[in-house]
Protein backbone atom coordinates (compact mmCIF):
# COMPACT_ATOMS: atom_id res chain seq x y z
CA MET A 1 51.46 26.81 -19.68
CA ALA A 2 54.82 27.57 -18.78
CA VAL A 3 57.23 26.73 -16.13
CA LEU A 4 60.13 29.08 -15.50
CA LEU A 5 63.21 28.98 -13.14
CA PHE A 6 64.60 31.78 -11.79
CA ALA A 7 68.13 32.20 -9.98
CA ASP A 8 70.34 35.37 -9.06
CA ILE A 9 73.66 35.65 -6.89
CA ALA A 10 74.47 39.12 -5.57
CA ILE A 11 77.71 39.72 -4.12
CA ARG A 12 78.27 42.69 -2.26
CA GLU A 13 81.23 44.61 -0.60
CA GLY A 14 82.65 43.57 2.81
CA GLY A 15 81.52 39.70 2.10
CA ALA A 16 78.00 40.17 2.01
CA TYR A 17 76.39 38.22 -0.55
CA ALA A 18 72.48 36.65 -1.38
CA LEU A 19 71.40 33.54 -3.53
CA GLN A 20 67.85 33.34 -4.55
CA LEU A 21 66.13 30.40 -6.29
CA SER A 22 62.61 30.09 -7.51
CA ALA A 23 60.56 28.27 -10.10
CA GLU A 24 57.09 29.82 -11.23
CA ARG A 25 54.41 27.78 -13.17
CA ASP A 26 52.04 29.86 -15.71
CA PHE A 27 48.62 28.78 -16.17
CA ASN A 28 46.67 29.73 -19.39
CA ASN A 29 43.82 31.15 -16.94
CA GLY A 30 46.47 34.55 -15.75
CA LEU A 31 47.25 32.52 -12.65
CA SER A 32 51.26 31.97 -11.55
CA LEU A 33 52.19 30.33 -8.83
CA GLY A 34 55.94 30.20 -7.54
CA PRO A 35 57.89 28.86 -4.70
CA GLY A 36 61.13 30.24 -3.64
CA ILE A 37 63.91 30.32 -1.15
CA ALA A 38 66.49 32.85 -0.29
CA LEU A 39 69.59 32.57 1.42
CA SER A 40 71.77 35.47 2.40
CA HIS A 41 74.97 36.13 4.52
CA ALA A 42 75.18 39.72 6.07
CA GLY A 43 79.34 39.80 5.46
CA ASP A 44 79.53 41.54 9.24
CA GLY A 45 81.94 38.90 10.57
CA SER A 46 79.35 36.57 11.93
CA ASN A 47 78.91 33.03 10.16
CA GLY A 48 75.41 33.20 10.32
CA VAL A 49 72.89 32.41 7.12
CA ASP A 50 69.60 33.91 7.04
CA VAL A 51 66.90 31.70 5.09
CA ALA A 52 63.48 32.60 3.60
CA ILE A 53 61.20 30.43 2.10
CA GLY A 54 58.16 31.93 0.38
CA MET A 55 55.10 31.28 -2.11
CA VAL A 56 54.09 33.88 -4.49
CA ILE A 57 50.21 33.91 -5.90
CA PHE A 58 49.75 36.09 -9.01
CA LYS A 59 46.71 36.59 -10.63
CA VAL A 60 45.90 39.06 -14.09
CA PHE A 61 42.16 40.36 -14.30
CA GLY A 62 40.58 41.54 -17.29
CA SER A 63 42.02 41.08 -20.89
CA GLN A 64 45.32 39.25 -21.46
């Protein structure tokens, strides 16, 4: 069983950016669970920031 942390930042021309953070827990039976959050700004002159929150459930079937 392992716990993995992921983070990335993407900066684009025109001031657009995105920040993504997530954690993933891998279980011995091939199951992975991971909550995450993403913040993004379009860079089009607005001050708004979009927020996305989600959960990933991943299962491996067959031999590992």
